[in-house]
Amino acid sequence: MTRKPTGELRRGWTTGACATAACKAALLGLWGDAPAKVSITLPKGEVPEFEVVGFRRGDGWAEAGIVKDAGDDPDVTHGVTLIVRVARSNGGVVFRAGEGVGTVTKAGLPIGVGEAAINPVPRSMMDEVVAEVASEFGESPDIEITVSIPNGQEIAQKTWNPRLGIKGGLSVLGTTGIVRPFSCAAWIASIHRGVDVARADGVTHVAGCTGNMSEKAVQALFGLPDHAMLDMGDFVGGMVKYIRRHPIERLTIGGGIGKLTKLAQGAVDLHSGRSQVDFDQLAELVGNPRVKAANTALEAYEITGKILPERVAELAARKAMAMFEGGTAPSQLDVVIVDRAGQVIAQTEIRNP
């Protein structure tokens, strides 16, 4: 069972910050003494300190590791070791993907196809570290940086990387260097990248689903490729807001009866802690007062039969289309509701006039 923290949540450090610290430690050991600890300056000026593990060096190279501490965030990369090897090279700073770090294979990401999946801010941070340490030792800042994450390829299967076309491992991420516990920002950012990849690949129909069961059902229903599937989760509002500015011709929203009932009732965040089903309103929608006594939307469905998901789907589609006001709406928006067995129990579409 995952531990649920109590009290104030402890923040942590991104993979990008850890890789930068490992890079600095490796450079210090390449040109001087291997450090036990190292500090770096984050983009907003904070200067955290990291303990160095697994330092090694050889002829013209050195490497060091930093164990990632994600704080109290439920991050799949918490506890991984970022290992950075630096080696003398020609022609500036070059980044390589080592074991467990992915390579970009699809357009639409901030890093070009064929490049190591090390995002722009971590690259910039490591560029600065190379310049700083090279200047300190009077060395040339021509360095090849190889980032590795043991077991990264296995861990990456729990992330969005395979769908985004990042093959072979994890990404080295971060814009501030700091992991904010239980932040929604990382999830919403991954939705944005999914839209970017789909658009860059010429995909005209994407689907955002609340979970794995609805995703499988929607993908099979429409025959969509993996990179057309957006991991929307609870963040329908975040997905729609981005697609308003980065249009897609057709959008499908899929989910179970509970979450899509909340969408039909106007919620833009479908998490149970941030929105609830209004059963009085639901009873009025289907014209059945017995629904008022239901404990869940699933129980309400059991009371009413197919009329409830059908009407919820219709209303959810109208609510979702209304969310595009002020931006560019898709020409067609579908809503698909599935039951717990993954069977489609309601489907509707609305076209943009």
Protein backbone atom coordinates (compact mmCIF):
# COMPACT_ATOMS: atom_id res chain seq x y z
CA MET A 1 0.00 0.00 0.00
CA THR A 2 1.26 3.49 -0.86
CA ARG A 3 2.01 5.55 2.23
CA LYS A 4 -0.24 8.56 2.56
CA PRO A 5 1.80 11.40 4.04
CA THR A 6 0.44 13.40 6.95
CA GLY A 7 1.15 17.02 7.73
CA GLU A 8 2.97 19.32 5.34
CA LEU A 9 4.03 17.53 2.16
CA ARG A 10 7.73 17.34 1.42
CA ARG A 11 8.81 18.46 -2.04
CA GLY A 12 11.52 16.73 -4.06
CA TRP A 13 13.83 17.14 -7.05
CA THR A 14 13.20 16.45 -10.72
CA THR A 15 15.18 14.01 -12.82
CA GLY A 16 16.62 17.05 -14.59
CA ALA A 17 17.95 18.52 -11.33
CA CYS A 18 19.42 15.16 -10.30
CA ALA A 19 21.10 14.67 -13.68
CA THR A 20 22.57 18.17 -13.47
CA ALA A 21 23.97 17.46 -10.01
CA ALA A 22 25.43 14.15 -11.23
CA CYS A 23 26.94 15.93 -14.22
CA LYS A 24 28.62 18.50 -11.97
CA ALA A 25 29.96 15.81 -9.64
CA ALA A 26 31.38 13.85 -12.59
CA LEU A 27 33.06 16.96 -14.02
CA LEU A 28 34.61 17.87 -10.67
CA GLY A 29 35.96 14.33 -10.43
CA LEU A 30 37.19 14.37 -14.03
CA TRP A 31 39.32 17.46 -13.50
CA GLY A 32 39.87 17.39 -9.72
CA ASP A 33 38.83 15.53 -6.59
CA ALA A 34 35.67 13.43 -6.51
CA PRO A 35 33.10 15.21 -4.31
CA ALA A 36 30.96 13.53 -1.65
CA LYS A 37 28.28 16.19 -2.07
CA VAL A 38 27.51 18.72 -4.76
CA SER A 39 25.21 21.74 -5.06
CA ILE A 40 23.61 23.24 -8.15
CA THR A 41 21.68 26.40 -8.89
CA LEU A 42 18.10 25.83 -10.03
CA PRO A 43 16.37 28.08 -12.61
CA LYS A 44 14.70 30.19 -9.91
CA GLY A 45 17.91 30.61 -7.90
CA GLU A 46 17.55 27.93 -5.22
CA VAL A 47 20.76 26.01 -4.42
CA PRO A 48 20.01 22.46 -3.19
CA GLU A 49 22.74 20.01 -2.17
CA PHE A 50 22.90 16.36 -3.28
CA GLU A 51 24.85 13.36 -2.03
CA VAL A 52 26.98 11.71 -4.69
CA VAL A 53 26.95 7.92 -5.13
CA GLY A 54 28.89 5.48 -7.28
CA PHE A 55 31.65 7.77 -8.47
CA ARG A 56 34.03 6.19 -11.02
CA ARG A 57 36.60 7.51 -13.46
CA GLY A 58 38.95 6.30 -16.16
CA ASP A 59 41.05 7.60 -19.00
CA GLY A 60 39.32 10.78 -20.16
CA TRP A 61 36.00 10.11 -18.44
CA ALA A 62 34.28 10.16 -15.07
CA GLU A 63 30.79 9.32 -13.88
CA ALA A 64 28.70 9.99 -10.78
CA GLY A 65 25.23 9.13 -9.55
CA ILE A 66 22.48 10.95 -7.69
CA VAL A 67 19.52 9.10 -6.15
CA LYS A 68 16.30 10.92 -6.95
CA ASP A 69 14.21 12.01 -4.00
CA ALA A 70 10.74 13.01 -5.20
CA GLY A 71 9.64 14.04 -1.72
CA ASP A 72 6.06 13.06 -0.96
CA ASP A 73 5.02 13.02 -4.62
CA PRO A 74 3.86 9.57 -5.86
CA ASP A 75 6.43 9.66 -8.65
CA VAL A 76 7.41 6.40 -10.38
CA THR A 77 10.98 7.67 -10.63
CA HIS A 78 11.35 8.22 -6.87
CA GLY A 79 14.46 6.34 -5.72
CA VAL A 80 16.02 5.83 -9.16
CA THR A 81 19.68 6.66 -9.63
CA LEU A 82 20.61 9.20 -12.30
CA ILE A 83 24.10 8.28 -13.53
CA VAL A 84 25.96 10.79 -15.68
CA ARG A 85 29.19 10.00 -17.49
CA VAL A 86 31.20 12.89 -18.86
CA ALA A 87 33.96 12.45 -21.41
CA ARG A 88 36.14 14.80 -23.40
CA SER A 89 34.85 15.39 -26.91
CA ASN A 90 35.08 17.83 -29.78
CA GLY A 91 32.54 20.47 -30.70
CA GLY A 92 30.78 21.66 -27.56
CA VAL A 93 28.34 19.79 -25.32
CA VAL A 94 26.77 16.63 -26.73
CA PHE A 95 23.99 14.66 -25.01
CA ARG A 96 23.64 10.88 -25.25
CA ALA A 97 21.00 8.47 -23.97
CA GLY A 98 22.55 5.76 -21.86
CA GLU A 99 20.88 2.69 -20.38
CA GLY A 100 17.30 3.39 -19.32
CA VAL A 101 17.03 6.84 -20.92
CA GLY A 102 14.71 7.08 -23.92
CA THR A 103 15.23 8.31 -27.45
CA VAL A 104 12.67 10.50 -29.24
CA THR A 105 11.11 8.78 -32.28
CA LYS A 106 8.11 11.04 -33.01
CA ALA A 107 7.78 14.71 -33.85
CA GLY A 108 5.83 17.07 -31.60
CA LEU A 109 8.08 16.93 -28.53
CA PRO A 110 10.44 19.71 -27.44
CA ILE A 111 13.42 17.52 -28.44
CA GLY A 112 14.04 16.48 -32.03
CA VAL A 113 13.58 12.98 -33.42
CA GLY A 114 16.66 10.83 -32.81
CA GLU A 115 17.76 12.84 -29.79
CA ALA A 116 18.14 11.62 -26.22
CA ALA A 117 14.95 12.33 -24.23
CA ILE A 118 16.59 15.01 -22.13
CA ASN A 119 14.34 18.05 -22.10
CA PRO A 120 15.46 21.62 -22.87
CA VAL A 121 15.71 22.96 -19.30
CA PRO A 122 17.85 20.05 -17.99
CA ARG A 123 20.05 20.43 -21.09
CA SER A 124 20.44 24.13 -20.38
CA MET A 125 21.26 23.46 -16.73
CA MET A 126 23.93 20.95 -17.69
CA ASP A 127 25.32 23.32 -20.34
CA GLU A 128 25.75 25.94 -17.61
CA VAL A 129 27.42 23.44 -15.27
CA VAL A 130 29.89 22.43 -17.98
CA ALA A 131 30.76 26.07 -18.66
CA GLU A 132 31.12 26.82 -14.94
CA VAL A 133 33.31 23.85 -14.03
CA ALA A 134 35.40 24.04 -17.22
CA SER A 135 36.13 27.70 -16.47
CA GLU A 136 37.05 26.86 -12.87
CA PHE A 137 39.65 24.32 -14.00
CA GLY A 138 40.77 26.10 -17.16
CA GLU A 139 39.51 23.24 -19.33
CA SER A 140 37.72 23.18 -22.67
CA PRO A 141 33.90 22.96 -22.38
CA ASP A 142 33.77 20.25 -25.06
CA ILE A 143 32.03 17.43 -23.22
CA GLU A 144 29.94 14.41 -24.12
CA ILE A 145 27.27 13.82 -21.46
CA THR A 146 25.68 10.39 -21.25
CA VAL A 147 22.74 10.02 -18.86
CA SER A 148 21.70 6.56 -17.66
CA ILE A 149 18.95 5.34 -15.34
CA PRO A 150 19.26 1.68 -14.30
CA ASN A 151 15.90 -0.09 -14.77
CA GLY A 152 14.64 2.97 -16.60
CA GLN A 153 13.30 0.98 -19.54
CA GLU A 154 11.07 -1.10 -17.25
CA ILE A 155 9.91 1.93 -15.25
CA ALA A 156 9.09 3.80 -18.47
CA GLN A 157 6.30 1.31 -19.17
CA LYS A 158 4.42 2.95 -16.27
CA THR A 159 4.69 6.37 -17.93
CA TRP A 160 3.36 8.02 -21.09
CA ASN A 161 6.70 7.66 -22.89
CA PRO A 162 5.86 4.65 -25.10
CA ARG A 163 2.75 6.38 -26.41
CA LEU A 164 4.61 9.64 -27.00
CA GLY A 165 7.16 7.81 -29.12
CA ILE A 166 9.97 7.92 -26.56
CA LYS A 167 11.60 4.51 -26.87
CA GLY A 168 14.03 2.70 -24.62
CA GLY A 169 13.51 4.38 -21.29
CA LEU A 170 12.60 7.39 -19.22
CA SER A 171 12.80 11.09 -19.97
CA VAL A 172 14.96 13.55 -18.06
CA LEU A 173 12.45 16.25 -17.17
CA GLY A 174 11.85 19.40 -15.20
CA THR A 175 11.43 23.13 -15.70
CA THR A 176 12.05 24.39 -12.15
CA GLY A 177 14.07 21.47 -10.79
CA ILE A 178 11.53 21.02 -8.01
CA VAL A 179 8.83 18.34 -7.70
CA ARG A 180 5.69 19.73 -6.07
CA PRO A 181 3.91 16.93 -4.17
CA PHE A 182 0.77 15.58 -5.81
CA SER A 183 0.87 18.36 -8.40
CA CYS A 184 -1.56 18.14 -11.30
CA ALA A 185 0.86 20.09 -13.48
CA ALA A 186 2.93 17.11 -14.64
CA TRP A 187 -0.16 15.15 -15.70
CA ILE A 188 -1.64 18.09 -17.58
CA ALA A 189 1.73 18.76 -19.22
CA SER A 190 1.76 15.16 -20.46
CA ILE A 191 -1.68 15.70 -22.02
CA HIS A 192 -0.26 18.74 -23.81
CA ARG A 193 2.65 16.71 -25.16
CA GLY A 194 0.24 14.00 -26.31
CA VAL A 195 -1.76 16.57 -28.29
CA ASP A 196 1.46 17.97 -29.76
CA VAL A 197 2.64 14.54 -30.89
CA ALA A 198 -0.73 13.68 -32.43
CA ARG A 199 -0.88 16.96 -34.34
CA ALA A 200 2.69 16.68 -35.55
CA ASP A 201 1.91 13.19 -36.85
CA GLY A 202 -1.15 14.39 -38.75
CA VAL A 203 -3.66 12.64 -36.47
CA THR A 204 -7.13 14.19 -36.87
CA HIS A 205 -9.02 12.17 -34.23
CA VAL A 206 -7.82 11.94 -30.63
CA ALA A 207 -9.44 10.48 -27.53
CA GLY A 208 -9.11 11.42 -23.89
CA CYS A 209 -10.26 8.81 -21.40
CA THR A 210 -10.60 8.69 -17.64
CA GLY A 211 -8.94 5.31 -17.17
CA ASN A 212 -7.51 2.16 -18.69
CA MET A 213 -10.83 0.35 -19.16
CA SER A 214 -12.50 3.17 -21.06
CA GLU A 215 -9.32 3.81 -23.04
CA LYS A 216 -9.21 0.24 -24.32
CA ALA A 217 -12.89 0.33 -25.24
CA VAL A 218 -12.64 3.67 -27.07
CA GLN A 219 -9.46 2.71 -28.91
CA ALA A 220 -11.05 -0.52 -30.14
CA LEU A 221 -14.33 1.21 -31.04
CA PHE A 222 -12.68 3.72 -33.35
CA GLY A 223 -9.53 1.82 -34.34
CA LEU A 224 -7.28 4.63 -33.09
CA PRO A 225 -3.48 4.33 -32.93
CA ASP A 226 -1.71 4.53 -29.58
CA HIS A 227 -0.49 8.07 -30.13
CA ALA A 228 -4.07 9.27 -30.67
CA MET A 229 -4.94 8.26 -27.10
CA LEU A 230 -4.51 11.04 -24.52
CA ASP A 231 -4.12 10.09 -20.86
CA MET A 232 -6.76 12.56 -19.75
CA GLY A 233 -7.46 11.02 -16.34
CA ASP A 234 -9.57 13.48 -14.35
CA PHE A 235 -8.34 16.54 -16.22
CA VAL A 236 -10.96 17.05 -18.93
CA GLY A 237 -10.75 20.79 -18.42
CA GLY A 238 -6.99 20.84 -18.88
CA MET A 239 -7.28 18.76 -22.04
CA VAL A 240 -10.03 20.91 -23.57
CA LYS A 241 -8.24 24.15 -22.68
CA TYR A 242 -5.16 23.02 -24.61
CA ILE A 243 -7.08 21.68 -27.62
CA ARG A 244 -8.95 25.03 -27.83
CA ARG A 245 -5.59 26.62 -28.68
CA HIS A 246 -4.15 23.64 -30.58
CA PRO A 247 -7.13 22.35 -32.59
CA ILE A 248 -7.92 18.75 -33.44
CA GLU A 249 -10.63 17.90 -35.98
CA ARG A 250 -12.36 15.26 -33.85
CA LEU A 251 -12.29 14.62 -30.10
CA THR A 252 -13.70 11.65 -28.22
CA ILE A 253 -14.12 11.68 -24.43
CA GLY A 254 -14.49 8.28 -22.79
CA GLY A 255 -15.08 7.15 -19.24
CA GLY A 256 -17.24 5.41 -16.71
CA ILE A 257 -20.70 6.54 -15.68
CA GLY A 258 -19.54 8.24 -12.47
CA LYS A 259 -16.91 10.57 -13.90
CA LEU A 260 -18.85 11.42 -17.04
CA THR A 261 -21.92 12.22 -14.96
CA LYS A 262 -19.79 14.86 -13.24
CA LEU A 263 -18.74 16.20 -16.64
CA ALA A 264 -22.42 16.32 -17.66
CA GLN A 265 -23.09 18.36 -14.53
CA GLY A 266 -20.41 20.88 -15.42
CA ALA A 267 -17.28 19.64 -13.62
CA VAL A 268 -13.94 20.20 -15.36
CA ASP A 269 -11.90 18.23 -12.79
CA LEU A 270 -13.41 14.78 -12.33
CA HIS A 271 -11.40 13.71 -9.28
CA SER A 272 -13.54 12.42 -6.41
CA GLY A 273 -11.91 14.90 -4.03
CA ARG A 274 -12.77 17.88 -6.22
CA SER A 275 -16.21 17.16 -7.68
CA GLN A 276 -19.24 15.09 -6.72
CA VAL A 277 -22.36 13.77 -8.45
CA ASP A 278 -25.51 15.76 -7.73
CA PHE A 279 -28.13 13.02 -7.41
CA ASP A 280 -31.07 15.43 -7.23
CA GLN A 281 -30.02 16.87 -10.57
CA LEU A 282 -29.47 13.38 -11.96
CA ALA A 283 -32.93 12.28 -10.86
CA GLU A 284 -34.41 15.26 -12.66
CA LEU A 285 -32.39 14.47 -15.80
CA VAL A 286 -33.87 10.95 -16.08
CA GLY A 287 -37.26 11.72 -14.53
CA ASN A 288 -36.90 9.12 -11.79
CA PRO A 289 -37.05 10.31 -8.15
CA ARG A 290 -35.58 7.00 -6.92
CA VAL A 291 -32.20 8.17 -8.20
CA LYS A 292 -32.09 10.76 -5.39
CA ALA A 293 -31.42 7.96 -2.89
CA ALA A 294 -28.57 6.41 -4.88
CA ASN A 295 -25.09 6.39 -3.36
CA THR A 296 -23.20 6.25 -6.66
CA ALA A 297 -23.84 6.93 -10.32
CA LEU A 298 -23.40 3.21 -10.93
CA GLU A 299 -26.23 2.50 -8.50
CA ALA A 300 -28.33 5.11 -10.27
CA TYR A 301 -27.65 3.31 -13.55
CA GLU A 302 -28.75 0.02 -12.00
CA ILE A 303 -32.01 1.73 -10.95
CA THR A 304 -32.80 3.31 -14.31
CA GLY A 305 -31.19 1.14 -16.96
CA LYS A 306 -29.81 2.51 -20.22
CA ILE A 307 -31.76 5.77 -20.15
CA LEU A 308 -29.32 7.23 -17.62
CA PRO A 309 -26.02 6.71 -19.49
CA GLU A 310 -27.67 7.75 -22.75
CA ARG A 311 -28.85 11.07 -21.30
CA VAL A 312 -25.58 11.60 -19.41
CA ALA A 313 -23.62 11.07 -22.64
CA GLU A 314 -25.78 13.59 -24.51
CA LEU A 315 -25.46 16.22 -21.79
CA ALA A 316 -21.74 15.57 -21.29
CA ALA A 317 -21.16 16.09 -25.02
CA ARG A 318 -22.99 19.43 -24.93
CA LYS A 319 -21.11 20.55 -21.82
CA ALA A 320 -17.77 19.57 -23.33
CA MET A 321 -18.50 21.36 -26.60
CA ALA A 322 -19.52 24.46 -24.67
CA MET A 323 -16.09 24.46 -23.01
CA PHE A 324 -14.58 25.33 -26.40
CA GLU A 325 -16.32 28.73 -26.46
CA GLY A 326 -13.75 31.40 -27.20
CA GLY A 327 -11.42 28.96 -28.94
CA THR A 328 -11.39 26.53 -31.85
CA ALA A 329 -13.82 23.66 -31.32
CA PRO A 330 -13.49 20.25 -32.96
CA SER A 331 -15.82 19.63 -35.88
CA GLN A 332 -17.08 16.53 -34.07
CA LEU A 333 -17.07 15.60 -30.39
CA ASP A 334 -18.03 12.12 -29.18
CA VAL A 335 -18.75 10.88 -25.67
CA VAL A 336 -18.51 7.17 -24.92
CA ILE A 337 -19.55 5.66 -21.58
CA VAL A 338 -18.36 2.20 -20.59
CA ASP A 339 -19.28 -0.11 -17.74
CA ARG A 340 -16.86 -1.83 -15.40
CA ALA A 341 -16.46 -4.72 -17.82
CA GLY A 342 -15.33 -2.33 -20.53
CA GLN A 343 -18.54 -2.60 -22.53
CA VAL A 344 -19.94 0.50 -24.23
CA ILE A 345 -23.27 1.39 -22.61
CA ALA A 346 -23.81 4.78 -24.26
CA GLN A 347 -22.36 6.68 -27.19
CA THR A 348 -23.27 10.02 -28.65
CA GLU A 349 -21.80 12.60 -30.97
CA ILE A 350 -22.24 16.31 -31.47
CA ARG A 351 -21.11 18.25 -34.49
CA ASN A 352 -19.87 21.81 -34.47
CA PRO A 353 -22.23 23.86 -36.64
